Amino acid sequence: MASYLLEVSYTSAAMAALVANPQDRTQVVSKAVKKLGGKIIGLWFAFGESDVIGIVDMPDNTAMAAFALALGAGGACSKVKTTALLSVSEAMAAMQSASTTGYKPVTG
């Protein structure tokens, strides 16, 4: 499974609906993620640019893209940002592979 950071901002209409009728959206979100073969690791409300922050495990990029598209198409979110997360061992493997690419930076 691949891990992803999910950052979501609500529209003002969606935020007004949550204020008028407070609700925990975790079950709704979890059901959609599970249908795509994934799992919610955690969801948090946040102050600042994003209203909700989540960590989601999905089988692959296609499944995560499908979920992000569904969120964006739903109309309640003004922003949906997804960031792929690498484990430390995956990052170490990438660092080791990077040294074998032969890439040379432009120098002045």
C-alpha atoms as a PDB file:
ATOM      1  CA  MET A   1       0.000   0.000   0.000  1.00  0.00           C
ATOM      2  CA  ALA A   2       1.109   3.537  -0.741  1.00  0.00           C
ATOM      3  CA  SER A   3       0.595   6.363   1.763  1.00  0.00           C
ATOM      4  CA  TYR A   4      -0.699   9.821   0.881  1.00  0.00           C
ATOM      5  CA  LEU A   5      -1.133  13.143   2.641  1.00  0.00           C
ATOM      6  CA  LEU A   6      -4.540  14.610   1.827  1.00  0.00           C
ATOM      7  CA  GLU A   7      -5.253  18.323   2.365  1.00  0.00           C
ATOM      8  CA  VAL A   8      -8.807  19.533   1.824  1.00  0.00           C
ATOM      9  CA  SER A   9     -10.456  22.949   2.024  1.00  0.00           C
ATOM     10  CA  TYR A  10     -14.225  23.250   2.225  1.00  0.00           C
ATOM     11  CA  THR A  11     -16.288  25.742   0.252  1.00  0.00           C
ATOM     12  CA  SER A  12     -18.020  28.382   2.368  1.00  0.00           C
ATOM     13  CA  ALA A  13     -21.359  26.662   1.643  1.00  0.00           C
ATOM     14  CA  ALA A  14     -20.031  23.320   2.916  1.00  0.00           C
ATOM     15  CA  MET A  15     -18.590  24.976   6.015  1.00  0.00           C
ATOM     16  CA  ALA A  16     -21.944  26.701   6.675  1.00  0.00           C
ATOM     17  CA  ALA A  17     -23.696  23.319   6.339  1.00  0.00           C
ATOM     18  CA  LEU A  18     -21.293  21.781   8.892  1.00  0.00           C
ATOM     19  CA  VAL A  19     -21.874  24.672  11.299  1.00  0.00           C
ATOM     20  CA  ALA A  20     -25.654  24.346  10.922  1.00  0.00           C
ATOM     21  CA  ASN A  21     -25.540  20.548  11.197  1.00  0.00           C
ATOM     22  CA  PRO A  22     -22.269  19.344  12.801  1.00  0.00           C
ATOM     23  CA  GLN A  23     -21.287  15.892  11.604  1.00  0.00           C
ATOM     24  CA  ASP A  24     -18.370  13.500  11.633  1.00  0.00           C
ATOM     25  CA  ARG A  25     -17.591  12.725   7.980  1.00  0.00           C
ATOM     26  CA  THR A  26     -15.091   9.985   8.855  1.00  0.00           C
ATOM     27  CA  GLN A  27     -17.475   7.088   8.131  1.00  0.00           C
ATOM     28  CA  VAL A  28     -18.523   8.530   4.758  1.00  0.00           C
ATOM     29  CA  VAL A  29     -14.917   9.142   3.731  1.00  0.00           C
ATOM     30  CA  SER A  30     -13.759   5.744   5.033  1.00  0.00           C
ATOM     31  CA  LYS A  31     -16.471   3.942   3.080  1.00  0.00           C
ATOM     32  CA  ALA A  32     -15.393   5.590  -0.192  1.00  0.00           C
ATOM     33  CA  VAL A  33     -11.697   4.912   0.490  1.00  0.00           C
ATOM     34  CA  LYS A  34     -12.420   1.286   1.411  1.00  0.00           C
ATOM     35  CA  LYS A  35     -14.375   0.807  -1.819  1.00  0.00           C
ATOM     36  CA  LEU A  36     -11.185   1.764  -3.694  1.00  0.00           C
ATOM     37  CA  GLY A  37      -9.139  -0.747  -1.674  1.00  0.00           C
ATOM     38  CA  GLY A  38      -7.676   1.757   0.778  1.00  0.00           C
ATOM     39  CA  LYS A  39      -7.731   2.662   4.437  1.00  0.00           C
ATOM     40  CA  ILE A  40      -7.917   5.936   6.400  1.00  0.00           C
ATOM     41  CA  ILE A  41      -4.993   6.179   8.817  1.00  0.00           C
ATOM     42  CA  GLY A  42      -6.265   9.419  10.345  1.00  0.00           C
ATOM     43  CA  LEU A  43      -8.298  12.567   9.677  1.00  0.00           C
ATOM     44  CA  TRP A  44      -7.885  15.872  11.490  1.00  0.00           C
ATOM     45  CA  PHE A  45      -9.526  19.284  11.300  1.00  0.00           C
ATOM     46  CA  ALA A  46      -6.937  22.028  10.957  1.00  0.00           C
ATOM     47  CA  PHE A  47      -6.567  25.782  11.205  1.00  0.00           C
ATOM     48  CA  GLY A  48      -5.063  27.594   8.252  1.00  0.00           C
ATOM     49  CA  GLU A  49      -5.044  26.968   4.533  1.00  0.00           C
ATOM     50  CA  SER A  50      -6.572  23.475   4.815  1.00  0.00           C
ATOM     51  CA  ASP A  51      -9.678  22.562   6.778  1.00  0.00           C
ATOM     52  CA  VAL A  52      -9.023  18.821   6.889  1.00  0.00           C
ATOM     53  CA  ILE A  53      -5.735  16.901   6.857  1.00  0.00           C
ATOM     54  CA  GLY A  54      -5.669  13.156   6.323  1.00  0.00           C
ATOM     55  CA  ILE A  55      -3.285  10.279   5.925  1.00  0.00           C
ATOM     56  CA  VAL A  56      -4.639   7.643   3.563  1.00  0.00           C
ATOM     57  CA  ASP A  57      -3.221   4.286   2.476  1.00  0.00           C
ATOM     58  CA  MET A  58      -4.242   3.300  -1.046  1.00  0.00           C
ATOM     59  CA  PRO A  59      -3.253   0.404  -3.278  1.00  0.00           C
ATOM     60  CA  ASP A  60      -1.771   2.715  -5.929  1.00  0.00           C
ATOM     61  CA  ASN A  61      -1.773   6.174  -7.530  1.00  0.00           C
ATOM     62  CA  THR A  62      -4.817   5.360  -9.658  1.00  0.00           C
ATOM     63  CA  ALA A  63      -6.944   4.580  -6.603  1.00  0.00           C
ATOM     64  CA  MET A  64      -5.771   7.753  -4.847  1.00  0.00           C
ATOM     65  CA  ALA A  65      -6.423   9.839  -7.959  1.00  0.00           C
ATOM     66  CA  ALA A  66      -9.929   8.372  -8.180  1.00  0.00           C
ATOM     67  CA  PHE A  67     -10.640   9.355  -4.587  1.00  0.00           C
ATOM     68  CA  ALA A  68      -9.213  12.863  -5.026  1.00  0.00           C
ATOM     69  CA  LEU A  69     -11.263  13.320  -8.205  1.00  0.00           C
ATOM     70  CA  ALA A  70     -14.425  12.173  -6.401  1.00  0.00           C
ATOM     71  CA  LEU A  71     -13.762  14.676  -3.593  1.00  0.00           C
ATOM     72  CA  GLY A  72     -13.129  17.507  -6.033  1.00  0.00           C
ATOM     73  CA  ALA A  73     -16.143  16.665  -8.175  1.00  0.00           C
ATOM     74  CA  GLY A  74     -18.477  16.532  -5.168  1.00  0.00           C
ATOM     75  CA  GLY A  75     -18.726  20.308  -4.874  1.00  0.00           C
ATOM     76  CA  ALA A  76     -18.108  20.596  -1.118  1.00  0.00           C
ATOM     77  CA  CYS A  77     -14.364  21.120  -1.453  1.00  0.00           C
ATOM     78  CA  SER A  78     -12.665  24.187  -2.869  1.00  0.00           C
ATOM     79  CA  LYS A  79      -9.234  22.519  -2.783  1.00  0.00           C
ATOM     80  CA  VAL A  80      -8.057  18.924  -2.750  1.00  0.00           C
ATOM     81  CA  LYS A  81      -4.293  18.443  -2.576  1.00  0.00           C
ATOM     82  CA  THR A  82      -2.662  15.025  -2.547  1.00  0.00           C
ATOM     83  CA  THR A  83       0.991  14.340  -1.741  1.00  0.00           C
ATOM     84  CA  ALA A  84       2.556  10.901  -2.121  1.00  0.00           C
ATOM     85  CA  LEU A  85       4.505   9.891   0.997  1.00  0.00           C
ATOM     86  CA  LEU A  86       7.578   7.667   1.022  1.00  0.00           C
ATOM     87  CA  SER A  87       8.671   5.563   3.960  1.00  0.00           C
ATOM     88  CA  VAL A  88      12.223   6.116   5.157  1.00  0.00           C
ATOM     89  CA  SER A  89      13.290   2.843   3.507  1.00  0.00           C
ATOM     90  CA  GLU A  90      11.694   3.933   0.198  1.00  0.00           C
ATOM     91  CA  ALA A  91      13.471   7.288   0.434  1.00  0.00           C
ATOM     92  CA  MET A  92      16.787   5.541   1.144  1.00  0.00           C
ATOM     93  CA  ALA A  93      16.302   3.298  -1.904  1.00  0.00           C
ATOM     94  CA  ALA A  94      15.545   6.384  -4.010  1.00  0.00           C
ATOM     95  CA  MET A  95      18.672   8.113  -2.732  1.00  0.00           C
ATOM     96  CA  GLN A  96      20.767   5.076  -3.583  1.00  0.00           C
ATOM     97  CA  SER A  97      19.229   4.839  -7.067  1.00  0.00           C
ATOM     98  CA  ALA A  98      19.740   8.570  -7.642  1.00  0.00           C
ATOM     99  CA  SER A  99      23.485   8.141  -7.304  1.00  0.00           C
ATOM    100  CA  THR A 100      23.517   5.700 -10.229  1.00  0.00           C
ATOM    101  CA  THR A 101      21.581   7.804 -12.752  1.00  0.00           C
ATOM    102  CA  GLY A 102      24.591   9.596 -14.197  1.00  0.00           C
ATOM    103  CA  TYR A 103      22.733  12.910 -14.060  1.00  0.00           C
ATOM    104  CA  LYS A 104      25.060  15.921 -14.040  1.00  0.00           C
ATOM    105  CA  PRO A 105      23.750  19.367 -13.041  1.00  0.00           C
ATOM    106  CA  VAL A 106      24.383  22.400 -15.197  1.00  0.00           C
ATOM    107  CA  THR A 107      27.356  24.342 -13.892  1.00  0.00           C
ATOM    108  CA  GLY A 108      28.386  27.904 -14.655  1.00  0.00           C
END
